[in-house]
């Protein structure tokens, strides 16, 4: 459970840095997602989750 909270904290740090470093770019990116179909967003989310799972699996020593 400790790893879960550490991972969640890292996600928050990364998102916070993105919003702090490029707030206008983040606004544009969010506006652009409004025109995407739900299926495309779902596929992107699944691909990101799969990539993240693969990275964790590799880092943890397979």
C-alpha atoms as a PDB file:
ATOM      1  CA  UNK A   1       0.000   0.000   0.000  1.00  0.00           C
ATOM      2  CA  UNK A   2       2.970   2.236   0.654  1.00  0.00           C
ATOM      3  CA  UNK A   3       4.019   1.922  -3.003  1.00  0.00           C
ATOM      4  CA  UNK A   4       0.538   2.955  -4.124  1.00  0.00           C
ATOM      5  CA  UNK A   5       0.684   6.202  -2.145  1.00  0.00           C
ATOM      6  CA  UNK A   6       4.220   6.890  -3.365  1.00  0.00           C
ATOM      7  CA  UNK A   7       3.105   6.381  -6.980  1.00  0.00           C
ATOM      8  CA  UNK A   8       0.063   8.597  -6.493  1.00  0.00           C
ATOM      9  CA  UNK A   9       2.282  11.306  -5.017  1.00  0.00           C
ATOM     10  CA  UNK A  10       4.631  11.118  -8.002  1.00  0.00           C
ATOM     11  CA  UNK A  11       1.720  11.477 -10.422  1.00  0.00           C
ATOM     12  CA  UNK A  12       0.611  14.587  -8.539  1.00  0.00           C
ATOM     13  CA  UNK A  13       4.143  16.021  -8.650  1.00  0.00           C
ATOM     14  CA  UNK A  14       4.441  15.437 -12.394  1.00  0.00           C
ATOM     15  CA  UNK A  15       1.028  16.959 -13.122  1.00  0.00           C
ATOM     16  CA  UNK A  16       1.753  19.902 -10.859  1.00  0.00           C
ATOM     17  CA  UNK A  17       5.037  20.612 -12.622  1.00  0.00           C
ATOM     18  CA  UNK A  18       3.318  20.491 -16.023  1.00  0.00           C
ATOM     19  CA  UNK A  19       0.631  22.963 -14.937  1.00  0.00           C
ATOM     20  CA  UNK A  20       3.201  25.253 -13.293  1.00  0.00           C
ATOM     21  CA  UNK A  21       5.635  25.179 -16.217  1.00  0.00           C
ATOM     22  CA  UNK A  22       3.156  25.537 -19.083  1.00  0.00           C
ATOM     23  CA  UNK A  23      -0.313  26.605 -17.937  1.00  0.00           C
ATOM     24  CA  UNK A  24      -1.338  27.951 -21.347  1.00  0.00           C
ATOM     25  CA  UNK A  25      -0.185  24.790 -23.080  1.00  0.00           C
ATOM     26  CA  UNK A  26      -2.196  22.680 -20.642  1.00  0.00           C
ATOM     27  CA  UNK A  27      -5.279  24.824 -21.317  1.00  0.00           C
ATOM     28  CA  UNK A  28      -4.841  24.332 -25.070  1.00  0.00           C
ATOM     29  CA  UNK A  29      -4.360  20.603 -24.622  1.00  0.00           C
ATOM     30  CA  UNK A  30      -7.534  20.296 -22.518  1.00  0.00           C
ATOM     31  CA  UNK A  31      -9.498  22.313 -25.069  1.00  0.00           C
ATOM     32  CA  UNK A  32      -8.224  20.067 -27.864  1.00  0.00           C
ATOM     33  CA  UNK A  33      -9.480  16.965 -26.055  1.00  0.00           C
ATOM     34  CA  UNK A  34     -13.044  18.331 -26.254  1.00  0.00           C
ATOM     35  CA  UNK A  35     -13.114  17.634 -29.985  1.00  0.00           C
ATOM     36  CA  UNK A  36     -11.829  14.056 -29.694  1.00  0.00           C
ATOM     37  CA  UNK A  37     -14.298  11.173 -29.702  1.00  0.00           C
ATOM     38  CA  UNK A  38     -14.690   9.269 -26.429  1.00  0.00           C
ATOM     39  CA  UNK A  39     -13.265   6.130 -28.028  1.00  0.00           C
ATOM     40  CA  UNK A  40     -10.002   7.890 -28.866  1.00  0.00           C
ATOM     41  CA  UNK A  41      -9.647   9.180 -25.305  1.00  0.00           C
ATOM     42  CA  UNK A  42     -10.437   5.714 -23.944  1.00  0.00           C
ATOM     43  CA  UNK A  43      -7.826   4.107 -26.210  1.00  0.00           C
ATOM     44  CA  UNK A  44      -5.241   6.705 -25.203  1.00  0.00           C
ATOM     45  CA  UNK A  45      -5.991   6.065 -21.535  1.00  0.00           C
ATOM     46  CA  UNK A  46      -5.699   2.307 -21.958  1.00  0.00           C
ATOM     47  CA  UNK A  47      -2.414   2.664 -23.838  1.00  0.00           C
ATOM     48  CA  UNK A  48      -1.021   4.980 -21.143  1.00  0.00           C
ATOM     49  CA  UNK A  49      -2.119   2.581 -18.399  1.00  0.00           C
ATOM     50  CA  UNK A  50      -0.536  -0.351 -20.234  1.00  0.00           C
ATOM     51  CA  UNK A  51       2.702   1.539 -20.750  1.00  0.00           C
ATOM     52  CA  UNK A  52       2.756   2.553 -17.089  1.00  0.00           C
ATOM     53  CA  UNK A  53       2.151  -1.028 -15.990  1.00  0.00           C
ATOM     54  CA  UNK A  54       4.982  -2.204 -18.241  1.00  0.00           C
ATOM     55  CA  UNK A  55       7.362   0.394 -16.811  1.00  0.00           C
ATOM     56  CA  UNK A  56       6.490  -0.603 -13.235  1.00  0.00           C
ATOM     57  CA  UNK A  57       6.917  -4.289 -14.117  1.00  0.00           C
ATOM     58  CA  UNK A  58      10.338  -3.641 -15.656  1.00  0.00           C
ATOM     59  CA  UNK A  59      11.528  -1.421 -12.803  1.00  0.00           C
ATOM     60  CA  UNK A  60      10.378  -3.881 -10.143  1.00  0.00           C
ATOM     61  CA  UNK A  61      12.558  -6.580 -11.687  1.00  0.00           C
ATOM     62  CA  UNK A  62      10.051  -8.594 -13.701  1.00  0.00           C
END
